[in-house]
Structure formats: structure tokens, C-alpha cells
Amino acid sequence: MTVNIKFDMYYQFLLSTKYHGDDDKHIKWSYNIIKYGTATDLYKIGCQYYDGVNVTMNYNRAYSLFERSSKLNNVNASYMLGICYLFGFGTEIDIKKGLSLIISASDRECDSASIFMGNCYMHGDFVEKDQYTAISWWRLAADRGNNLAINLIDENSLWEYGKPIELQLNQ
């Protein structure tokens, strides 16, 4: 339990201080988190490298951390690993593998993955454009109470003769 508290404290330290640099303390903490951290710790640090928050942006390191965290069953890391494969961040582009990881994350109730897949279908990115399928993906997240998904459904509802078309989704 103490180890996780230390790792979480380090994460908060990075976020609150806008720390930039590679002094010995930073290298030691990063090494310990990467070596001994939980799936959540690895995911959090992976996000920092992916976004360049308080560290230099490094897609290769982010990909590696997401991959390790995903193997430890972190659903958000699986989603981000799928994003890395789709866009070639830190790895070769592999659309099939990327979509498979994102769909798997959605199946494990990752709202970001469900919303992403809905957006893909709405705009025809990586898949054939299909507004009905897009709304069904957003509905997965909306049914879990995700406000963004609810708004996306509302903004993209299908209308016919002044009335919304009711979608019959596969349950």
C-alpha cells in the first residue's frame, strides 16, 4: 500500500509543479514507477509522455507504458494502445490491431473507446461511414451515464418528418 501512495504522490507532484528537467530525483522516481508501479501508475505516466505533460513528449515511451499497463488489464491503457496503433504513435500503424484494442476496451466499459468508435463511424474514419452505427456506439457510453455521449446522440439524432427516428439497437 505504501508503494502506491508514493507513486500517486509523485504523479501529483509532477502535475502540480509543472516540473521540467532530468535531475537525479526525477530519473529515480520515473525508474521506480516504471519498474514497480501498478497498471494505473504505468497508465498515468504513459499519458504524461503521450501528452507531454511535465515531461518531454515521447510517443515511444508512452506506447511502451501503455503496452505494459494493458497487459496488466488496464482498460484505459488498452484504449490508448489502440490509438497508438491507429496513428502510428511509438509503433507502426496497424489499423486492424488498433480497432481491435479499442473495441475490446469499449466492451470492458471504457467510455472513451465507445465514443471514439462512434466518431469513427460518424465521419468514416478507419471504418465505413454509418450514422446509425455511430449512434449505437455512443449509446453504449450514454447508457453508462457519460454526458459527452448523451450530447453527441442529441446533436446527431436522426429526424424524419419533424420527429426523431427511434433507433432499435441490438441489446
Protein backbone atom coordinates (compact mmCIF):
# COMPACT_ATOMS: atom_id res chain seq x y z
CA MET A 1 0.00 0.00 0.00
CA THR A 2 2.82 2.40 0.82
CA VAL A 3 4.34 1.93 -2.63
CA ASN A 4 1.15 3.03 -4.40
CA ILE A 5 0.82 6.07 -2.16
CA LYS A 6 4.37 7.12 -3.09
CA PHE A 7 3.67 6.64 -6.78
CA ASP A 8 0.45 8.61 -6.58
CA MET A 9 2.26 11.36 -4.66
CA TYR A 10 4.86 11.52 -7.43
CA TYR A 11 2.16 11.81 -10.07
CA GLN A 12 0.55 14.66 -8.13
CA PHE A 13 3.98 16.26 -7.74
CA LEU A 14 4.51 16.23 -11.50
CA LEU A 15 1.08 17.68 -12.22
CA SER A 16 1.22 20.41 -9.58
CA THR A 17 4.72 21.73 -10.17
CA LYS A 18 4.87 21.69 -13.97
CA TYR A 19 8.26 20.09 -13.47
CA HIS A 20 10.60 20.00 -16.45
CA GLY A 21 14.04 18.51 -16.35
CA ASP A 22 16.01 15.38 -15.84
CA ASP A 23 17.65 15.78 -12.47
CA ASP A 24 18.54 12.72 -10.40
CA LYS A 25 15.34 12.80 -8.33
CA HIS A 26 13.12 12.82 -11.43
CA ILE A 27 15.04 9.95 -13.06
CA LYS A 28 14.93 7.89 -9.82
CA TRP A 29 11.16 8.33 -9.36
CA SER A 30 10.39 7.63 -13.01
CA TYR A 31 12.50 4.47 -12.93
CA ASN A 32 10.82 3.22 -9.75
CA ILE A 33 7.32 3.84 -11.09
CA ILE A 34 8.07 2.17 -14.40
CA LYS A 35 9.75 -0.78 -12.67
CA TYR A 36 7.44 -1.30 -9.67
CA GLY A 37 4.24 0.60 -10.47
CA THR A 38 0.74 -0.75 -10.81
CA ALA A 39 -1.17 -0.80 -14.09
CA THR A 40 -2.71 2.55 -13.14
CA ASP A 41 0.70 4.07 -12.35
CA LEU A 42 2.05 2.94 -15.72
CA TYR A 43 -1.02 4.31 -17.49
CA LYS A 44 -0.75 7.70 -15.75
CA ILE A 45 2.92 8.11 -16.62
CA GLY A 46 2.20 6.88 -20.17
CA CYS A 47 -0.38 9.66 -20.52
CA GLN A 48 2.18 12.21 -19.38
CA TYR A 49 4.63 11.09 -22.06
CA TYR A 50 1.84 10.92 -24.66
CA ASP A 51 0.64 14.46 -23.92
CA GLY A 52 3.99 15.98 -22.92
CA VAL A 53 2.63 16.98 -19.50
CA ASN A 54 5.53 17.94 -17.23
CA VAL A 55 7.88 15.74 -19.26
CA THR A 56 9.15 15.87 -22.82
CA MET A 57 6.59 14.29 -25.18
CA ASN A 58 7.79 10.83 -26.13
CA TYR A 59 5.42 8.56 -28.06
CA ASN A 60 7.81 5.61 -27.91
CA ARG A 61 7.89 5.70 -24.12
CA ALA A 62 4.10 6.30 -23.96
CA TYR A 63 3.48 3.29 -26.24
CA SER A 64 5.73 1.10 -24.10
CA LEU A 65 3.98 2.14 -20.89
CA PHE A 66 0.51 1.70 -22.37
CA GLU A 67 1.51 -1.75 -23.62
CA ARG A 68 2.76 -2.84 -20.18
CA SER A 69 -0.29 -1.39 -18.44
CA SER A 70 -2.63 -3.02 -20.95
CA LYS A 71 -1.03 -6.41 -20.26
CA LEU A 72 -1.92 -5.78 -16.60
CA ASN A 73 -5.58 -5.34 -17.72
CA ASN A 74 -5.86 -1.54 -17.53
CA VAL A 75 -8.76 -0.82 -19.87
CA ASN A 76 -7.79 2.83 -20.45
CA ALA A 77 -4.28 1.76 -21.41
CA SER A 78 -5.76 -0.74 -23.89
CA TYR A 79 -7.74 2.12 -25.45
CA MET A 80 -4.65 4.35 -25.67
CA LEU A 81 -2.60 1.48 -27.08
CA GLY A 82 -5.23 1.14 -29.79
CA ILE A 83 -4.89 4.87 -30.54
CA CYS A 84 -1.12 4.42 -30.81
CA TYR A 85 -1.60 1.63 -33.38
CA LEU A 86 -4.15 3.60 -35.41
CA PHE A 87 -1.99 6.70 -35.73
CA GLY A 88 1.50 5.17 -35.51
CA PHE A 89 2.46 6.82 -32.22
CA GLY A 90 5.52 4.93 -30.98
CA THR A 91 4.83 1.95 -33.23
CA GLU A 92 3.98 1.02 -36.81
CA ILE A 93 0.44 1.77 -37.97
CA ASP A 94 -1.77 -1.30 -37.65
CA ILE A 95 -5.42 -0.32 -38.15
CA LYS A 96 -6.79 -3.82 -37.55
CA LYS A 97 -4.95 -4.21 -34.25
CA GLY A 98 -5.80 -0.65 -33.19
CA LEU A 99 -9.52 -1.07 -33.81
CA SER A 100 -9.49 -4.46 -32.11
CA LEU A 101 -7.93 -2.96 -28.95
CA ILE A 102 -10.38 -0.05 -28.93
CA ILE A 103 -13.41 -2.30 -29.43
CA SER A 104 -12.15 -4.56 -26.65
CA ALA A 105 -11.77 -1.54 -24.36
CA SER A 106 -15.33 -0.47 -25.19
CA ASP A 107 -16.56 -3.97 -24.38
CA ARG A 108 -14.89 -3.54 -20.98
CA GLU A 109 -16.87 -0.31 -20.43
CA CYS A 110 -14.31 2.29 -21.47
CA ASP A 111 -16.48 5.27 -22.42
CA SER A 112 -13.65 6.96 -24.35
CA ALA A 113 -13.37 3.89 -26.57
CA SER A 114 -17.12 3.79 -27.23
CA ILE A 115 -17.17 7.49 -28.07
CA PHE A 116 -14.11 7.15 -30.31
CA MET A 117 -15.71 4.30 -32.26
CA GLY A 118 -18.89 6.35 -32.63
CA ASN A 119 -16.85 9.23 -34.00
CA CYS A 120 -15.10 6.89 -36.44
CA TYR A 121 -18.43 5.68 -37.82
CA MET A 122 -19.91 9.18 -37.91
CA HIS A 123 -17.02 10.53 -40.01
CA GLY A 124 -15.94 7.38 -41.87
CA ASP A 125 -12.50 7.26 -40.23
CA PHE A 126 -10.94 3.75 -40.33
CA VAL A 127 -14.43 2.27 -40.99
CA GLU A 128 -17.27 2.78 -43.45
CA LYS A 129 -19.36 5.84 -42.57
CA ASP A 130 -22.64 4.85 -40.89
CA GLN A 131 -24.62 7.27 -38.73
CA TYR A 132 -26.81 4.56 -37.19
CA THR A 133 -23.78 2.56 -36.08
CA ALA A 134 -22.14 5.73 -34.74
CA ILE A 135 -25.13 6.44 -32.53
CA SER A 136 -25.20 2.83 -31.33
CA TRP A 137 -21.55 3.16 -30.19
CA TRP A 138 -22.30 6.44 -28.41
CA ARG A 139 -25.36 4.80 -26.83
CA LEU A 140 -23.05 2.33 -25.05
CA ALA A 141 -21.35 5.18 -23.21
CA ALA A 142 -24.58 7.15 -22.77
CA ASP A 143 -26.22 4.17 -21.08
CA ARG A 144 -23.38 4.29 -18.55
CA GLY A 145 -24.19 7.96 -17.88
CA ASN A 146 -21.50 9.63 -20.00
CA ASN A 147 -22.65 13.21 -20.67
CA LEU A 148 -20.49 13.68 -23.77
CA ALA A 149 -22.05 10.61 -25.36
CA ILE A 150 -25.54 11.84 -24.44
CA ASN A 151 -24.80 15.19 -26.08
CA LEU A 152 -23.36 13.54 -29.20
CA ILE A 153 -26.51 11.47 -29.60
CA ASP A 154 -28.68 14.53 -29.10
CA GLU A 155 -26.68 16.63 -31.58
CA ASN A 156 -26.64 13.89 -34.23
CA SER A 157 -30.11 12.46 -33.83
CA LEU A 158 -31.82 11.38 -36.99
CA TRP A 159 -35.01 13.25 -37.81
CA GLU A 160 -37.78 12.45 -40.22
CA TYR A 161 -40.97 14.50 -40.72
CA GLY A 162 -40.15 16.67 -37.68
CA LYS A 163 -39.86 13.70 -35.29
CA PRO A 164 -36.76 11.84 -34.08
CA ILE A 165 -36.23 8.41 -35.55
CA GLU A 166 -36.10 5.81 -32.81
CA LEU A 167 -33.12 3.54 -33.21
CA GLN A 168 -33.61 -0.11 -32.44
CA LEU A 169 -30.25 -1.10 -31.03
CA ASN A 170 -29.10 -4.67 -30.63
CA GLN A 171 -29.15 -5.36 -26.92
